[in-house]
C-alpha cells in the first residue's frame, strides 16, 4: 500500500497573509491542472466540519456565542483537531484518485505562523504539529503590506479578528520561520491585480509544482 508520505506528495498548499490573493490564484491553478486532465480536489482550512465551523464563529466579531480561547496554542489546537478530520478525508480521496491532486487554501503552515505571531510556546507547538503529513509543495504568496491592506478593505464583510494591520505584519515574519518546523515553502510574489497578473503567478507556481507532481506519479502534465 502507498504510504501516507507518498500520497501527500500530491498535495499543494497555498499560504499567505490575509489579502495575499490566494482565492483567485487557487481557482486558476486548479483550472490549469484540470485542463491537463488531472482530477483536482479543492479544499481549505478551516474546513466546513464541526471544528472548522467553531473556529469561524470564534473569529466572527459579531458572533458572541463562541469565544476563542485566550491561550493562542489552545486556539490553534482547534485547528489541529479540524485538520485531523481533514487529513483523513484528503488521504481517502488521494487513494481513490491515484493521479489526482489536492489543492488546499491554507494548512499546517498557518497554524505554525499564527501561533508564533501570538507568542505561543514553541516546543509545545512543535509537538502539536509533528504528526501532520508534509505536503508535496507549500507556496507562500508574498505581497506588499499596502497591497494586502487594500485587498482586505475591499472585501464586502467586516474584518475578522486576525486581519488588523499590526497583526498581519507579525504574521508575515512568523511565516518566515515555518521551515524551521519541517515544512519548507516556496515564495511567489503576487502583488499584481487582474487576470494577467493572476496568470503570471499561476505560471510561476506551475513551474515549481509540475516536476514534483510528475515524480509523484501524476500523468498528463506537459
C-alpha atoms as a PDB file:
ATOM      1  CA  UNK A   1       0.000   0.000   0.000  1.00  0.00           C
ATOM      2  CA  UNK A   2       1.208   3.513  -0.813  1.00  0.00           C
ATOM      3  CA  UNK A   3       2.447   5.323   2.290  1.00  0.00           C
ATOM      4  CA  UNK A   4       0.783   8.476   3.586  1.00  0.00           C
ATOM      5  CA  UNK A   5       4.029  10.347   2.960  1.00  0.00           C
ATOM      6  CA  UNK A   6       3.989   9.359  -0.716  1.00  0.00           C
ATOM      7  CA  UNK A   7       0.290  10.162  -1.088  1.00  0.00           C
ATOM      8  CA  UNK A   8       0.773  13.685   0.237  1.00  0.00           C
ATOM      9  CA  UNK A   9       3.375  14.443  -2.413  1.00  0.00           C
ATOM     10  CA  UNK A  10       0.258  15.138  -4.497  1.00  0.00           C
ATOM     11  CA  UNK A  11      -0.920  17.877  -2.119  1.00  0.00           C
ATOM     12  CA  UNK A  12      -0.307  21.558  -2.874  1.00  0.00           C
ATOM     13  CA  UNK A  13      -0.990  24.138  -0.148  1.00  0.00           C
ATOM     14  CA  UNK A  14      -1.335  27.865  -0.826  1.00  0.00           C
ATOM     15  CA  UNK A  15      -0.459  30.172   2.047  1.00  0.00           C
ATOM     16  CA  UNK A  16      -0.169  33.909   2.612  1.00  0.00           C
ATOM     17  CA  UNK A  17      -1.203  36.730   4.874  1.00  0.00           C
ATOM     18  CA  UNK A  18      -4.791  37.924   4.595  1.00  0.00           C
ATOM     19  CA  UNK A  19      -5.131  39.785   1.309  1.00  0.00           C
ATOM     20  CA  UNK A  20      -2.438  37.775  -0.456  1.00  0.00           C
ATOM     21  CA  UNK A  21      -4.882  36.780  -3.198  1.00  0.00           C
ATOM     22  CA  UNK A  22      -4.984  33.055  -2.501  1.00  0.00           C
ATOM     23  CA  UNK A  23      -8.576  32.535  -3.614  1.00  0.00           C
ATOM     24  CA  UNK A  24      -8.205  33.769  -7.194  1.00  0.00           C
ATOM     25  CA  UNK A  25      -4.812  32.119  -7.672  1.00  0.00           C
ATOM     26  CA  UNK A  26      -6.020  28.805  -6.256  1.00  0.00           C
ATOM     27  CA  UNK A  27      -9.037  28.696  -8.569  1.00  0.00           C
ATOM     28  CA  UNK A  28      -6.973  29.448 -11.684  1.00  0.00           C
ATOM     29  CA  UNK A  29      -4.277  26.966 -10.666  1.00  0.00           C
ATOM     30  CA  UNK A  30      -6.891  24.232 -10.234  1.00  0.00           C
ATOM     31  CA  UNK A  31      -8.319  25.053 -13.655  1.00  0.00           C
ATOM     32  CA  UNK A  32      -4.844  24.712 -15.178  1.00  0.00           C
ATOM     33  CA  UNK A  33      -4.459  21.252 -13.648  1.00  0.00           C
ATOM     34  CA  UNK A  34      -7.920  20.155 -14.786  1.00  0.00           C
ATOM     35  CA  UNK A  35      -7.167  21.366 -18.327  1.00  0.00           C
ATOM     36  CA  UNK A  36      -4.391  18.767 -18.324  1.00  0.00           C
ATOM     37  CA  UNK A  37      -6.849  16.026 -17.429  1.00  0.00           C
ATOM     38  CA  UNK A  38      -5.843  15.839 -13.779  1.00  0.00           C
ATOM     39  CA  UNK A  39      -8.564  15.277 -11.134  1.00  0.00           C
ATOM     40  CA  UNK A  40      -8.418  18.059  -8.536  1.00  0.00           C
ATOM     41  CA  UNK A  41      -9.868  18.331  -5.043  1.00  0.00           C
ATOM     42  CA  UNK A  42     -10.206  21.948  -3.915  1.00  0.00           C
ATOM     43  CA  UNK A  43     -10.211  22.250  -0.166  1.00  0.00           C
ATOM     44  CA  UNK A  44      -9.439  24.689   2.640  1.00  0.00           C
ATOM     45  CA  UNK A  45      -8.701  25.090   6.323  1.00  0.00           C
ATOM     46  CA  UNK A  46     -10.558  25.704   8.467  1.00  0.00           C
ATOM     47  CA  UNK A  47     -12.974  23.218   6.936  1.00  0.00           C
ATOM     48  CA  UNK A  48     -16.763  23.135   6.978  1.00  0.00           C
ATOM     49  CA  UNK A  49     -16.665  20.401   9.633  1.00  0.00           C
ATOM     50  CA  UNK A  50     -17.582  20.711  13.301  1.00  0.00           C
ATOM     51  CA  UNK A  51     -14.277  22.226  14.444  1.00  0.00           C
ATOM     52  CA  UNK A  52     -13.953  24.370  11.325  1.00  0.00           C
ATOM     53  CA  UNK A  53     -17.364  25.939  11.928  1.00  0.00           C
ATOM     54  CA  UNK A  54     -16.461  26.534  15.562  1.00  0.00           C
ATOM     55  CA  UNK A  55     -13.257  28.316  14.507  1.00  0.00           C
ATOM     56  CA  UNK A  56     -15.046  30.557  12.017  1.00  0.00           C
ATOM     57  CA  UNK A  57     -17.638  31.511  14.596  1.00  0.00           C
ATOM     58  CA  UNK A  58     -14.914  32.361  17.108  1.00  0.00           C
ATOM     59  CA  UNK A  59     -13.251  34.638  14.545  1.00  0.00           C
ATOM     60  CA  UNK A  60     -16.510  36.409  13.728  1.00  0.00           C
ATOM     61  CA  UNK A  61     -16.656  39.522  15.915  1.00  0.00           C
ATOM     62  CA  UNK A  62     -20.439  39.630  15.584  1.00  0.00           C
ATOM     63  CA  UNK A  63     -20.895  36.079  16.937  1.00  0.00           C
ATOM     64  CA  UNK A  64     -20.959  36.310  20.734  1.00  0.00           C
ATOM     65  CA  UNK A  65     -21.811  32.674  21.424  1.00  0.00           C
ATOM     66  CA  UNK A  66     -18.445  31.100  20.574  1.00  0.00           C
ATOM     67  CA  UNK A  67     -15.416  32.705  22.203  1.00  0.00           C
ATOM     68  CA  UNK A  68     -11.875  31.859  21.173  1.00  0.00           C
ATOM     69  CA  UNK A  69      -9.542  30.687  23.950  1.00  0.00           C
ATOM     70  CA  UNK A  70      -7.157  33.276  25.376  1.00  0.00           C
ATOM     71  CA  UNK A  71      -4.208  30.894  25.048  1.00  0.00           C
ATOM     72  CA  UNK A  72      -3.043  31.048  21.390  1.00  0.00           C
ATOM     73  CA  UNK A  73      -1.839  27.454  21.441  1.00  0.00           C
ATOM     74  CA  UNK A  74      -5.206  26.268  22.763  1.00  0.00           C
ATOM     75  CA  UNK A  75      -6.926  28.082  19.900  1.00  0.00           C
ATOM     76  CA  UNK A  76      -4.551  26.556  17.343  1.00  0.00           C
ATOM     77  CA  UNK A  77      -5.364  23.175  18.870  1.00  0.00           C
ATOM     78  CA  UNK A  78      -8.882  23.707  17.495  1.00  0.00           C
ATOM     79  CA  UNK A  79      -7.297  23.977  14.031  1.00  0.00           C
ATOM     80  CA  UNK A  80      -5.308  20.836  14.733  1.00  0.00           C
ATOM     81  CA  UNK A  81      -8.481  18.905  15.588  1.00  0.00           C
ATOM     82  CA  UNK A  82     -10.103  20.222  12.424  1.00  0.00           C
ATOM     83  CA  UNK A  83      -7.009  19.166  10.461  1.00  0.00           C
ATOM     84  CA  UNK A  84      -7.072  15.628  11.801  1.00  0.00           C
ATOM     85  CA  UNK A  85     -10.517  15.123  10.264  1.00  0.00           C
ATOM     86  CA  UNK A  86      -9.450  16.971   7.130  1.00  0.00           C
ATOM     87  CA  UNK A  87      -6.323  14.846   6.581  1.00  0.00           C
ATOM     88  CA  UNK A  88      -8.356  11.638   6.859  1.00  0.00           C
ATOM     89  CA  UNK A  89     -10.664  12.908   4.116  1.00  0.00           C
ATOM     90  CA  UNK A  90      -7.717  14.008   1.960  1.00  0.00           C
ATOM     91  CA  UNK A  91      -5.964  10.655   2.359  1.00  0.00           C
ATOM     92  CA  UNK A  92      -9.141   8.801   1.375  1.00  0.00           C
ATOM     93  CA  UNK A  93      -9.574  10.959  -1.731  1.00  0.00           C
ATOM     94  CA  UNK A  94      -5.937  10.525  -2.788  1.00  0.00           C
ATOM     95  CA  UNK A  95      -6.206   6.726  -2.507  1.00  0.00           C
ATOM     96  CA  UNK A  96      -9.338   6.735  -4.659  1.00  0.00           C
ATOM     97  CA  UNK A  97      -7.748   9.079  -7.221  1.00  0.00           C
ATOM     98  CA  UNK A  98      -4.216   7.783  -7.881  1.00  0.00           C
ATOM     99  CA  UNK A  99      -3.388  10.563 -10.366  1.00  0.00           C
ATOM    100  CA  UNK A 100      -5.380  13.259  -8.560  1.00  0.00           C
ATOM    101  CA  UNK A 101      -4.049  16.390  -6.867  1.00  0.00           C
ATOM    102  CA  UNK A 102      -5.351  18.111  -3.736  1.00  0.00           C
ATOM    103  CA  UNK A 103      -5.054  21.905  -3.615  1.00  0.00           C
ATOM    104  CA  UNK A 104      -5.703  23.499  -0.232  1.00  0.00           C
ATOM    105  CA  UNK A 105      -6.225  27.107   0.795  1.00  0.00           C
ATOM    106  CA  UNK A 106      -4.111  27.058   3.991  1.00  0.00           C
ATOM    107  CA  UNK A 107      -2.816  24.176   6.043  1.00  0.00           C
ATOM    108  CA  UNK A 108      -0.397  23.466   8.883  1.00  0.00           C
ATOM    109  CA  UNK A 109       1.893  26.432   7.998  1.00  0.00           C
ATOM    110  CA  UNK A 110      -0.962  28.728   9.039  1.00  0.00           C
ATOM    111  CA  UNK A 111      -1.188  27.043  12.433  1.00  0.00           C
ATOM    112  CA  UNK A 112       2.541  27.485  12.949  1.00  0.00           C
ATOM    113  CA  UNK A 113       2.678  31.095  11.757  1.00  0.00           C
ATOM    114  CA  UNK A 114      -0.414  32.317  13.607  1.00  0.00           C
ATOM    115  CA  UNK A 115       0.688  30.619  16.824  1.00  0.00           C
ATOM    116  CA  UNK A 116       4.176  32.133  16.591  1.00  0.00           C
ATOM    117  CA  UNK A 117       2.758  35.579  15.820  1.00  0.00           C
ATOM    118  CA  UNK A 118       0.689  35.371  19.008  1.00  0.00           C
ATOM    119  CA  UNK A 119       3.635  34.238  21.133  1.00  0.00           C
ATOM    120  CA  UNK A 120       2.706  30.578  21.670  1.00  0.00           C
ATOM    121  CA  UNK A 121       5.156  28.196  23.325  1.00  0.00           C
ATOM    122  CA  UNK A 122       7.364  26.929  20.518  1.00  0.00           C
ATOM    123  CA  UNK A 123       8.181  23.491  21.878  1.00  0.00           C
ATOM    124  CA  UNK A 124       4.537  22.756  22.569  1.00  0.00           C
ATOM    125  CA  UNK A 125       3.725  23.958  19.055  1.00  0.00           C
ATOM    126  CA  UNK A 126       6.335  21.617  17.541  1.00  0.00           C
ATOM    127  CA  UNK A 127       4.823  18.720  19.446  1.00  0.00           C
ATOM    128  CA  UNK A 128       1.321  19.586  18.262  1.00  0.00           C
ATOM    129  CA  UNK A 129       2.120  19.740  14.542  1.00  0.00           C
ATOM    130  CA  UNK A 130       4.717  16.981  14.209  1.00  0.00           C
ATOM    131  CA  UNK A 131       2.112  14.341  13.226  1.00  0.00           C
ATOM    132  CA  UNK A 132       0.947  16.315  10.184  1.00  0.00           C
ATOM    133  CA  UNK A 133       1.792  14.808   6.767  1.00  0.00           C
ATOM    134  CA  UNK A 134       4.071  17.139   4.820  1.00  0.00           C
ATOM    135  CA  UNK A 135       2.516  18.436   1.574  1.00  0.00           C
ATOM    136  CA  UNK A 136       4.429  17.948  -1.645  1.00  0.00           C
ATOM    137  CA  UNK A 137       4.559  21.712  -2.196  1.00  0.00           C
ATOM    138  CA  UNK A 138       3.719  24.685   0.010  1.00  0.00           C
ATOM    139  CA  UNK A 139       3.518  28.001  -1.835  1.00  0.00           C
ATOM    140  CA  UNK A 140       3.557  31.263   0.105  1.00  0.00           C
ATOM    141  CA  UNK A 141       2.070  34.154  -1.874  1.00  0.00           C
ATOM    142  CA  UNK A 142       4.112  37.212  -0.954  1.00  0.00           C
ATOM    143  CA  UNK A 143       2.551  40.679  -1.224  1.00  0.00           C
ATOM    144  CA  UNK A 144       3.434  44.197  -0.193  1.00  0.00           C
ATOM    145  CA  UNK A 145       1.678  45.285   3.041  1.00  0.00           C
ATOM    146  CA  UNK A 146      -0.180  48.103   1.271  1.00  0.00           C
ATOM    147  CA  UNK A 147      -1.476  45.718  -1.408  1.00  0.00           C
ATOM    148  CA  UNK A 148      -2.738  43.233   1.165  1.00  0.00           C
ATOM    149  CA  UNK A 149      -4.322  46.053   3.188  1.00  0.00           C
ATOM    150  CA  UNK A 150      -6.205  47.370   0.154  1.00  0.00           C
ATOM    151  CA  UNK A 151      -7.485  43.912  -0.746  1.00  0.00           C
ATOM    152  CA  UNK A 152      -8.704  43.309   2.808  1.00  0.00           C
ATOM    153  CA  UNK A 153     -10.507  46.652   2.847  1.00  0.00           C
ATOM    154  CA  UNK A 154     -12.226  45.854  -0.464  1.00  0.00           C
ATOM    155  CA  UNK A 155     -13.896  42.753   0.943  1.00  0.00           C
ATOM    156  CA  UNK A 156     -17.639  43.012   1.406  1.00  0.00           C
ATOM    157  CA  UNK A 157     -17.626  41.869   5.036  1.00  0.00           C
ATOM    158  CA  UNK A 158     -16.304  43.010   8.432  1.00  0.00           C
ATOM    159  CA  UNK A 159     -12.663  42.241   9.178  1.00  0.00           C
ATOM    160  CA  UNK A 160     -12.091  39.108  11.252  1.00  0.00           C
ATOM    161  CA  UNK A 161     -10.039  39.039  14.437  1.00  0.00           C
ATOM    162  CA  UNK A 162      -6.688  38.294  12.781  1.00  0.00           C
ATOM    163  CA  UNK A 163      -6.983  40.783   9.906  1.00  0.00           C
ATOM    164  CA  UNK A 164      -5.759  44.003  11.548  1.00  0.00           C
ATOM    165  CA  UNK A 165      -2.625  45.536  10.013  1.00  0.00           C
ATOM    166  CA  UNK A 166      -0.407  45.228  13.089  1.00  0.00           C
ATOM    167  CA  UNK A 167      -1.002  41.514  13.448  1.00  0.00           C
ATOM    168  CA  UNK A 168      -0.549  40.887   9.724  1.00  0.00           C
ATOM    169  CA  UNK A 169       2.984  42.342   9.921  1.00  0.00           C
ATOM    170  CA  UNK A 170       3.861  39.948  12.723  1.00  0.00           C
ATOM    171  CA  UNK A 171       2.263  37.124  10.791  1.00  0.00           C
ATOM    172  CA  UNK A 172       4.419  37.542   7.693  1.00  0.00           C
ATOM    173  CA  UNK A 173       7.562  37.485   9.832  1.00  0.00           C
ATOM    174  CA  UNK A 174       6.296  34.332  11.539  1.00  0.00           C
ATOM    175  CA  UNK A 175       5.720  32.623   8.191  1.00  0.00           C
ATOM    176  CA  UNK A 176       9.430  33.035   7.564  1.00  0.00           C
ATOM    177  CA  UNK A 177      10.066  30.611  10.422  1.00  0.00           C
ATOM    178  CA  UNK A 178       7.725  27.863   9.223  1.00  0.00           C
ATOM    179  CA  UNK A 179      10.552  25.861   7.549  1.00  0.00           C
ATOM    180  CA  UNK A 180      12.199  25.522  10.979  1.00  0.00           C
ATOM    181  CA  UNK A 181       9.274  23.247  11.878  1.00  0.00           C
ATOM    182  CA  UNK A 182       9.915  20.885   8.975  1.00  0.00           C
ATOM    183  CA  UNK A 183       7.610  22.426   6.367  1.00  0.00           C
ATOM    184  CA  UNK A 184       9.657  24.073   3.593  1.00  0.00           C
ATOM    185  CA  UNK A 185       7.909  26.699   1.488  1.00  0.00           C
ATOM    186  CA  UNK A 186       8.289  28.299  -1.925  1.00  0.00           C
ATOM    187  CA  UNK A 187       7.800  32.073  -2.039  1.00  0.00           C
ATOM    188  CA  UNK A 188       5.976  33.570  -5.033  1.00  0.00           C
ATOM    189  CA  UNK A 189       5.218  37.283  -5.469  1.00  0.00           C
ATOM    190  CA  UNK A 190       1.546  38.145  -6.065  1.00  0.00           C
ATOM    191  CA  UNK A 191       1.325  41.939  -5.994  1.00  0.00           C
ATOM    192  CA  UNK A 192      -0.429  42.463  -9.299  1.00  0.00           C
ATOM    193  CA  UNK A 193      -4.156  42.791  -9.910  1.00  0.00           C
ATOM    194  CA  UNK A 194      -6.287  41.496 -12.765  1.00  0.00           C
ATOM    195  CA  UNK A 195      -6.307  38.353 -14.851  1.00  0.00           C
ATOM    196  CA  UNK A 196      -2.901  38.938 -16.421  1.00  0.00           C
ATOM    197  CA  UNK A 197      -1.225  39.154 -13.015  1.00  0.00           C
ATOM    198  CA  UNK A 198      -3.038  36.035 -11.803  1.00  0.00           C
ATOM    199  CA  UNK A 199      -1.904  34.133 -14.909  1.00  0.00           C
ATOM    200  CA  UNK A 200       1.689  35.179 -14.267  1.00  0.00           C
ATOM    201  CA  UNK A 201       1.530  33.939 -10.669  1.00  0.00           C
ATOM    202  CA  UNK A 202      -0.054  30.653 -11.735  1.00  0.00           C
ATOM    203  CA  UNK A 203       2.627  30.066 -14.373  1.00  0.00           C
ATOM    204  CA  UNK A 204       5.271  30.513 -11.697  1.00  0.00           C
ATOM    205  CA  UNK A 205       3.518  28.026  -9.420  1.00  0.00           C
ATOM    206  CA  UNK A 206       3.105  25.519 -12.251  1.00  0.00           C
ATOM    207  CA  UNK A 207       6.837  25.755 -12.970  1.00  0.00           C
ATOM    208  CA  UNK A 208       7.555  24.881  -9.338  1.00  0.00           C
ATOM    209  CA  UNK A 209       4.944  22.174  -8.900  1.00  0.00           C
ATOM    210  CA  UNK A 210       4.852  20.226 -12.156  1.00  0.00           C
ATOM    211  CA  UNK A 211       8.164  18.366 -11.798  1.00  0.00           C
ATOM    212  CA  UNK A 212       7.220  17.272  -8.283  1.00  0.00           C
ATOM    213  CA  UNK A 213       3.837  16.016  -9.395  1.00  0.00           C
ATOM    214  CA  UNK A 214       5.410  14.070 -12.245  1.00  0.00           C
ATOM    215  CA  UNK A 215       7.811  12.471  -9.765  1.00  0.00           C
ATOM    216  CA  UNK A 216       4.792  11.597  -7.589  1.00  0.00           C
ATOM    217  CA  UNK A 217       3.223   9.662 -10.476  1.00  0.00           C
ATOM    218  CA  UNK A 218       0.780  12.244 -11.828  1.00  0.00           C
ATOM    219  CA  UNK A 219       0.394  11.854 -15.574  1.00  0.00           C
ATOM    220  CA  UNK A 220      -0.923  14.195 -18.228  1.00  0.00           C
ATOM    221  CA  UNK A 221       1.415  17.038 -17.336  1.00  0.00           C
ATOM    222  CA  UNK A 222       3.242  18.550 -20.295  1.00  0.00           C
END
